[in-house]
């Protein structure tokens, strides 16, 4: 019988999370907002002009990409890209 080895789980760094998150957000940017506008400090709605329907899509894509689930109260408090990164980091570490 083969022996199963359990690899030690290595938590994602903030940089790794951001690198994986940025293209998810970029898909939903309006045409007049360049991808270069995305930064940790960017406000999702007021600076990146992401509408509420697209915010829901972003959350669904994040849940799939990171295999996590957002609670409604958390979703309502996400304002900046950094808020999202922090939430993901808390869930995956």
N, C-alpha and C. Protein backbone atom coordinates (compact mmCIF):
# COMPACT_ATOMS: atom_id res chain seq x y z
N UNK A 1 0.85 -1.18 0.00
CA UNK A 1 0.00 0.00 0.00
C UNK A 1 0.89 1.24 0.00
N UNK A 2 0.62 2.22 -0.90
CA UNK A 2 1.47 3.41 -0.95
C UNK A 2 1.28 4.29 0.28
N UNK A 3 2.35 4.92 0.64
CA UNK A 3 2.31 5.84 1.78
C UNK A 3 1.98 7.23 1.26
N UNK A 4 0.98 7.84 1.85
CA UNK A 4 0.60 9.20 1.45
C UNK A 4 1.39 10.19 2.29
N UNK A 5 1.95 11.14 1.61
CA UNK A 5 2.66 12.18 2.37
C UNK A 5 1.84 13.45 2.33
N UNK A 6 1.76 14.07 3.43
CA UNK A 6 1.04 15.34 3.50
C UNK A 6 2.06 16.47 3.40
N UNK A 7 1.97 17.20 2.30
CA UNK A 7 2.88 18.34 2.14
C UNK A 7 2.42 19.44 3.07
N UNK A 8 3.37 20.11 3.61
CA UNK A 8 3.05 21.22 4.50
C UNK A 8 2.45 22.35 3.67
N UNK A 9 1.36 22.88 4.13
CA UNK A 9 0.68 23.97 3.44
C UNK A 9 1.49 25.26 3.58
N UNK A 10 1.78 25.88 2.46
CA UNK A 10 2.51 27.14 2.48
C UNK A 10 1.52 28.27 2.20
N UNK A 11 1.29 29.15 3.18
CA UNK A 11 0.34 30.24 2.97
C UNK A 11 0.80 31.18 1.86
N UNK A 12 -0.16 31.75 1.19
CA UNK A 12 0.14 32.72 0.14
C UNK A 12 0.60 34.03 0.76
N UNK A 13 1.56 34.65 0.12
CA UNK A 13 2.00 35.97 0.56
C UNK A 13 1.03 37.01 0.02
N UNK A 14 1.11 38.20 0.57
CA UNK A 14 0.28 39.30 0.09
C UNK A 14 0.58 39.56 -1.38
N UNK A 15 1.84 39.51 -1.77
CA UNK A 15 2.22 39.75 -3.17
C UNK A 15 1.62 38.68 -4.08
N UNK A 16 1.62 37.42 -3.65
CA UNK A 16 1.04 36.34 -4.46
C UNK A 16 -0.47 36.52 -4.61
N UNK A 17 -1.11 36.92 -3.53
CA UNK A 17 -2.56 37.16 -3.58
C UNK A 17 -2.86 38.30 -4.55
N UNK A 18 -2.11 39.38 -4.42
CA UNK A 18 -2.34 40.55 -5.28
C UNK A 18 -2.12 40.18 -6.75
N UNK A 19 -1.08 39.42 -7.01
CA UNK A 19 -0.76 39.01 -8.39
C UNK A 19 -1.90 38.18 -8.99
N UNK A 20 -2.52 37.36 -8.20
CA UNK A 20 -3.63 36.52 -8.65
C UNK A 20 -4.94 37.31 -8.72
N UNK A 21 -5.07 38.32 -7.87
CA UNK A 21 -6.29 39.13 -7.80
C UNK A 21 -6.37 40.18 -8.90
N UNK A 22 -5.26 40.80 -9.22
CA UNK A 22 -5.26 41.90 -10.19
C UNK A 22 -5.92 41.55 -11.52
N UNK A 23 -5.62 40.41 -12.15
CA UNK A 23 -6.28 40.11 -13.42
C UNK A 23 -7.78 39.86 -13.28
N UNK A 24 -8.20 39.39 -12.11
CA UNK A 24 -9.64 39.20 -11.87
C UNK A 24 -10.33 40.55 -11.90
N UNK A 25 -9.77 41.52 -11.20
CA UNK A 25 -10.35 42.87 -11.17
C UNK A 25 -10.28 43.51 -12.55
N UNK A 26 -9.17 43.32 -13.24
CA UNK A 26 -8.96 43.96 -14.55
C UNK A 26 -10.05 43.62 -15.55
N UNK A 27 -10.57 42.42 -15.49
CA UNK A 27 -11.62 41.99 -16.41
C UNK A 27 -12.85 42.89 -16.32
N UNK A 28 -13.11 43.41 -15.15
CA UNK A 28 -14.34 44.16 -14.91
C UNK A 28 -14.15 45.68 -14.93
N UNK A 29 -12.97 46.14 -15.26
CA UNK A 29 -12.75 47.59 -15.35
C UNK A 29 -13.50 48.16 -16.55
N UNK A 30 -14.09 49.33 -16.40
CA UNK A 30 -14.68 49.99 -17.57
C UNK A 30 -13.58 50.34 -18.57
N UNK A 31 -13.97 50.54 -19.81
CA UNK A 31 -13.00 50.82 -20.88
C UNK A 31 -12.14 52.05 -20.59
N UNK A 32 -12.69 53.03 -19.87
CA UNK A 32 -11.96 54.27 -19.63
C UNK A 32 -11.02 54.20 -18.42
N UNK A 33 -10.90 53.03 -17.79
CA UNK A 33 -10.02 52.87 -16.63
C UNK A 33 -8.91 51.89 -17.00
N UNK A 34 -7.67 52.37 -17.08
CA UNK A 34 -6.57 51.48 -17.45
C UNK A 34 -6.21 50.50 -16.32
N UNK A 35 -5.72 49.35 -16.70
CA UNK A 35 -5.32 48.33 -15.72
C UNK A 35 -4.28 48.89 -14.76
N UNK A 36 -3.44 49.80 -15.24
CA UNK A 36 -2.41 50.41 -14.41
C UNK A 36 -3.00 51.20 -13.24
N UNK A 37 -4.29 51.46 -13.28
CA UNK A 37 -4.96 52.18 -12.19
C UNK A 37 -5.15 51.31 -10.96
N UNK A 38 -5.05 50.00 -11.13
CA UNK A 38 -5.25 49.10 -10.00
C UNK A 38 -4.03 49.14 -9.09
N UNK A 39 -4.28 49.47 -7.84
CA UNK A 39 -3.23 49.45 -6.83
C UNK A 39 -3.90 49.02 -5.52
N UNK A 40 -3.12 48.63 -4.53
CA UNK A 40 -3.74 48.23 -3.26
C UNK A 40 -4.64 49.31 -2.66
N UNK A 41 -4.29 50.56 -2.89
CA UNK A 41 -5.06 51.66 -2.31
C UNK A 41 -6.31 52.02 -3.11
N UNK A 42 -6.45 51.50 -4.31
CA UNK A 42 -7.58 51.86 -5.18
C UNK A 42 -8.91 51.49 -4.56
N UNK A 43 -9.84 52.45 -4.58
CA UNK A 43 -11.20 52.18 -4.17
C UNK A 43 -11.90 51.51 -5.34
N UNK A 44 -12.55 50.40 -5.09
CA UNK A 44 -13.14 49.62 -6.16
C UNK A 44 -14.22 50.36 -6.93
N UNK A 45 -15.05 51.11 -6.24
CA UNK A 45 -16.15 51.78 -6.93
C UNK A 45 -15.83 53.21 -7.35
N UNK A 46 -15.26 53.99 -6.46
CA UNK A 46 -15.06 55.41 -6.79
C UNK A 46 -13.84 55.65 -7.67
N UNK A 47 -12.78 54.88 -7.53
CA UNK A 47 -11.59 55.10 -8.34
C UNK A 47 -11.52 54.18 -9.56
N UNK A 48 -11.92 52.93 -9.37
CA UNK A 48 -11.86 52.00 -10.49
C UNK A 48 -13.18 51.91 -11.26
N UNK A 49 -14.19 52.60 -10.75
CA UNK A 49 -15.51 52.69 -11.40
C UNK A 49 -16.15 51.34 -11.67
N UNK A 50 -15.98 50.42 -10.75
CA UNK A 50 -16.60 49.11 -10.88
C UNK A 50 -18.00 49.19 -10.29
N UNK A 51 -18.99 48.81 -11.09
CA UNK A 51 -20.37 48.91 -10.60
C UNK A 51 -20.72 47.72 -9.71
N UNK A 52 -21.84 47.82 -9.03
CA UNK A 52 -22.20 46.81 -8.03
C UNK A 52 -22.41 45.43 -8.64
N UNK A 53 -22.94 45.36 -9.84
CA UNK A 53 -23.13 44.06 -10.49
C UNK A 53 -21.77 43.40 -10.76
N UNK A 54 -20.81 44.20 -11.19
CA UNK A 54 -19.48 43.65 -11.44
C UNK A 54 -18.75 43.31 -10.15
N UNK A 55 -19.05 44.03 -9.07
CA UNK A 55 -18.47 43.66 -7.77
C UNK A 55 -18.90 42.26 -7.37
N UNK A 56 -20.15 41.95 -7.61
CA UNK A 56 -20.65 40.60 -7.31
C UNK A 56 -19.90 39.59 -8.17
N UNK A 57 -19.71 39.90 -9.46
CA UNK A 57 -18.97 39.00 -10.35
C UNK A 57 -17.54 38.81 -9.87
N UNK A 58 -16.91 39.88 -9.43
CA UNK A 58 -15.53 39.81 -8.92
C UNK A 58 -15.48 38.89 -7.70
N UNK A 59 -16.41 39.06 -6.79
CA UNK A 59 -16.45 38.21 -5.59
C UNK A 59 -16.62 36.75 -5.97
N UNK A 60 -17.49 36.46 -6.92
CA UNK A 60 -17.69 35.08 -7.35
C UNK A 60 -16.42 34.51 -7.98
N UNK A 61 -15.75 35.32 -8.79
CA UNK A 61 -14.50 34.88 -9.40
C UNK A 61 -13.41 34.65 -8.35
N UNK A 62 -13.37 35.52 -7.35
CA UNK A 62 -12.39 35.36 -6.26
C UNK A 62 -12.67 34.09 -5.47
N UNK A 63 -13.94 33.85 -5.18
CA UNK A 63 -14.30 32.63 -4.46
C UNK A 63 -13.82 31.39 -5.21
N UNK A 64 -13.99 31.40 -6.52
CA UNK A 64 -13.54 30.26 -7.33
C UNK A 64 -12.01 30.17 -7.37
N UNK A 65 -11.36 31.30 -7.61
CA UNK A 65 -9.91 31.31 -7.78
C UNK A 65 -9.17 30.95 -6.51
N UNK A 66 -9.69 31.37 -5.36
CA UNK A 66 -8.99 31.15 -4.10
C UNK A 66 -9.65 30.05 -3.24
N UNK A 67 -10.74 29.50 -3.73
CA UNK A 67 -11.47 28.46 -3.01
C UNK A 67 -11.85 28.92 -1.60
N UNK A 68 -12.48 30.08 -1.56
CA UNK A 68 -12.94 30.67 -0.30
C UNK A 68 -14.38 31.12 -0.47
N UNK A 69 -14.99 31.54 0.62
CA UNK A 69 -16.36 32.05 0.56
C UNK A 69 -16.45 33.38 1.31
N UNK A 70 -17.11 34.33 0.68
CA UNK A 70 -17.33 35.64 1.30
C UNK A 70 -18.64 35.62 2.07
N UNK A 71 -18.60 36.11 3.29
CA UNK A 71 -19.84 36.31 4.03
C UNK A 71 -20.42 37.66 3.62
N UNK A 72 -21.74 37.79 3.67
CA UNK A 72 -22.39 39.03 3.23
C UNK A 72 -21.87 40.27 3.93
N UNK A 73 -21.66 40.16 5.25
CA UNK A 73 -21.20 41.34 5.99
C UNK A 73 -19.79 41.76 5.58
N UNK A 74 -18.98 40.80 5.19
CA UNK A 74 -17.62 41.12 4.71
C UNK A 74 -17.72 41.80 3.35
N UNK A 75 -18.52 41.22 2.48
CA UNK A 75 -18.69 41.76 1.13
C UNK A 75 -19.12 43.23 1.18
N UNK A 76 -20.01 43.55 2.08
CA UNK A 76 -20.52 44.92 2.19
C UNK A 76 -19.45 45.91 2.66
N UNK A 77 -18.41 45.42 3.32
CA UNK A 77 -17.37 46.30 3.85
C UNK A 77 -16.12 46.40 2.98
N UNK A 78 -16.13 45.72 1.85
CA UNK A 78 -14.97 45.79 0.95
C UNK A 78 -15.02 47.08 0.16
N UNK A 79 -14.00 47.90 0.33
CA UNK A 79 -13.96 49.16 -0.38
C UNK A 79 -12.75 49.26 -1.29
N UNK A 80 -11.60 48.86 -0.78
CA UNK A 80 -10.37 48.99 -1.56
C UNK A 80 -9.85 47.63 -1.99
N UNK A 81 -8.93 47.64 -2.92
CA UNK A 81 -8.26 46.42 -3.34
C UNK A 81 -7.56 45.79 -2.12
N UNK A 82 -6.97 46.62 -1.28
CA UNK A 82 -6.29 46.11 -0.07
C UNK A 82 -7.28 45.41 0.87
N UNK A 83 -8.51 45.91 0.97
CA UNK A 83 -9.52 45.24 1.78
C UNK A 83 -9.73 43.81 1.29
N UNK A 84 -9.78 43.65 -0.03
CA UNK A 84 -9.98 42.33 -0.63
C UNK A 84 -8.76 41.45 -0.36
N UNK A 85 -7.57 41.99 -0.56
CA UNK A 85 -6.34 41.24 -0.32
C UNK A 85 -6.29 40.78 1.14
N UNK A 86 -6.60 41.66 2.06
CA UNK A 86 -6.57 41.31 3.48
C UNK A 86 -7.57 40.21 3.81
N UNK A 87 -8.75 40.30 3.24
CA UNK A 87 -9.76 39.28 3.48
C UNK A 87 -9.28 37.92 2.95
N UNK A 88 -8.75 37.93 1.73
CA UNK A 88 -8.26 36.68 1.14
C UNK A 88 -7.12 36.12 1.98
N UNK A 89 -6.18 36.98 2.38
CA UNK A 89 -5.05 36.53 3.18
C UNK A 89 -5.53 35.86 4.47
N UNK A 90 -6.53 36.45 5.11
CA UNK A 90 -7.07 35.88 6.35
C UNK A 90 -7.71 34.52 6.10
N UNK A 91 -8.29 34.34 4.94
CA UNK A 91 -8.97 33.09 4.62
C UNK A 91 -8.02 31.98 4.19
N UNK A 92 -6.93 32.33 3.51
CA UNK A 92 -6.05 31.30 2.96
C UNK A 92 -4.82 31.01 3.81
N UNK A 93 -4.66 31.72 4.91
CA UNK A 93 -3.49 31.45 5.75
C UNK A 93 -3.90 30.84 7.07
